[in-house]
C-alpha atoms as a PDB file:
ATOM      1  CA  MET A   1      46.116 131.405 -26.141  1.00  0.00           C
ATOM      2  CA  ALA A   2      45.772 132.312 -22.495  1.00  0.00           C
ATOM      3  CA  LYS A   3      47.968 130.606 -19.944  1.00  0.00           C
ATOM      4  CA  LYS A   4      46.135 128.717 -17.172  1.00  0.00           C
ATOM      5  CA  CYS A   5      47.085 127.522 -13.712  1.00  0.00           C
ATOM      6  CA  ILE A   6      48.062 123.842 -13.781  1.00  0.00           C
ATOM      7  CA  TYR A   7      46.114 123.248 -10.561  1.00  0.00           C
ATOM      8  CA  CYS A   8      42.865 125.231 -10.711  1.00  0.00           C
ATOM      9  CA  LYS A   9      42.789 126.281 -14.403  1.00  0.00           C
ATOM     10  CA  THR A  10      42.394 129.982 -13.537  1.00  0.00           C
ATOM     11  CA  GLU A  11      43.832 132.273 -16.214  1.00  0.00           C
ATOM     12  CA  ILE A  12      47.269 133.685 -15.386  1.00  0.00           C
ATOM     13  CA  ASP A  13      49.418 136.310 -17.068  1.00  0.00           C
ATOM     14  CA  ASP A  14      51.097 135.035 -20.250  1.00  0.00           C
ATOM     15  CA  GLY A  15      54.335 136.636 -19.066  1.00  0.00           C
ATOM     16  CA  SER A  16      54.366 134.668 -15.827  1.00  0.00           C
ATOM     17  CA  VAL A  17      57.487 132.588 -15.154  1.00  0.00           C
ATOM     18  CA  ILE A  18      55.417 129.965 -13.366  1.00  0.00           C
ATOM     19  CA  ASP A  19      52.505 127.847 -14.560  1.00  0.00           C
ATOM     20  CA  PHE A  20      50.334 128.247 -11.484  1.00  0.00           C
ATOM     21  CA  CYS A  21      48.444 131.095  -9.835  1.00  0.00           C
ATOM     22  CA  GLN A  22      49.523 132.798  -6.628  1.00  0.00           C
ATOM     23  CA  ARG A  23      46.696 131.246  -4.604  1.00  0.00           C
ATOM     24  CA  CYS A  24      47.643 127.698  -5.632  1.00  0.00           C
ATOM     25  CA  GLY A  25      51.372 128.360  -5.305  1.00  0.00           C
ATOM     26  CA  ILE A  26      50.997 129.589  -1.748  1.00  0.00           C
ATOM     27  CA  GLY A  27      48.627 126.712  -1.003  1.00  0.00           C
ATOM     28  CA  VAL A  28      51.156 124.143  -2.222  1.00  0.00           C
ATOM     29  CA  TRP A  29      54.476 125.594  -0.997  1.00  0.00           C
ATOM     30  CA  GLY A  30      53.573 128.260   1.559  1.00  0.00           C
ATOM     31  CA  GLU A  31      54.081 131.994   1.165  1.00  0.00           C
ATOM     32  CA  LYS A  32      57.842 132.200   1.812  1.00  0.00           C
ATOM     33  CA  MET A  33      58.757 129.320  -0.496  1.00  0.00           C
ATOM     34  CA  PHE A  34      56.372 130.533  -3.196  1.00  0.00           C
ATOM     35  CA  LYS A  35      58.019 133.972  -3.184  1.00  0.00           C
ATOM     36  CA  ALA A  36      61.476 132.341  -3.329  1.00  0.00           C
ATOM     37  CA  ILE A  37      60.446 130.190  -6.310  1.00  0.00           C
ATOM     38  CA  VAL A  38      59.027 133.159  -8.231  1.00  0.00           C
ATOM     39  CA  GLN A  39      62.082 135.298  -7.457  1.00  0.00           C
ATOM     40  CA  SER A  40      64.464 132.547  -8.577  1.00  0.00           C
ATOM     41  CA  MET A  41      62.535 131.929 -11.792  1.00  0.00           C
ATOM     42  CA  GLU A  42      62.449 135.665 -12.596  1.00  0.00           C
ATOM     43  CA  LYS A  43      66.227 135.920 -12.071  1.00  0.00           C
ATOM     44  CA  SER A  44      66.731 132.933 -14.376  1.00  0.00           C
ATOM     45  CA  ARG A  45      64.576 134.528 -17.064  1.00  0.00           C
ATOM     46  CA  GLU A  46      66.501 137.804 -16.805  1.00  0.00           C
ATOM     47  CA  ALA A  47      69.795 135.902 -17.114  1.00  0.00           C
ATOM     48  CA  GLY A  48      68.491 134.072 -20.186  1.00  0.00           C
ATOM     49  CA  ASP A  49      68.618 130.686 -18.469  1.00  0.00           C
ATOM     50  CA  LEU A  50      64.886 130.097 -18.632  1.00  0.00           C
ATOM     51  CA  PHE A  51      63.360 128.953 -21.900  1.00  0.00           C
ATOM     52  CA  GLN A  52      59.676 128.170 -22.060  1.00  0.00           C
ATOM     53  CA  GLY A  53      58.867 126.791 -25.462  1.00  0.00           C
ATOM     54  CA  SER A  54      57.817 123.767 -27.367  1.00  0.00           C
ATOM     55  CA  VAL A  55      59.877 120.623 -26.946  1.00  0.00           C
ATOM     56  CA  THR A  56      59.281 119.929 -30.618  1.00  0.00           C
ATOM     57  CA  ASP A  57      60.795 123.225 -31.758  1.00  0.00           C
ATOM     58  CA  ASN A  58      63.666 122.356 -34.111  1.00  0.00           C
ATOM     59  CA  LYS A  59      65.783 125.312 -32.969  1.00  0.00           C
ATOM     60  CA  VAL A  60      65.561 124.137 -29.393  1.00  0.00           C
ATOM     61  CA  ALA A  61      66.349 120.550 -30.305  1.00  0.00           C
ATOM     62  CA  LYS A  62      69.471 121.655 -32.187  1.00  0.00           C
ATOM     63  CA  ASN A  63      70.653 123.760 -29.244  1.00  0.00           C
ATOM     64  CA  TRP A  64      70.216 120.870 -26.836  1.00  0.00           C
ATOM     65  CA  LYS A  65      72.233 118.541 -29.076  1.00  0.00           C
ATOM     66  CA  GLN A  66      75.137 120.982 -28.906  1.00  0.00           C
ATOM     67  CA  ILE A  67      75.268 120.870 -25.115  1.00  0.00           C
END
């Protein structure tokens, strides 16, 4: 299933750390803030702090109960 921008519904890369396209991101936050958001999210993914999955996933639910 292709990932789509939450604002304009344009298809975006499945590997993207954000759920919106560059055009909409810059339109909402401005270029500097958009770049900062993407950079921060990419660093979080690299560190393993970013999990994008189903909230109904039993493995995830068990991990959250342990915290």
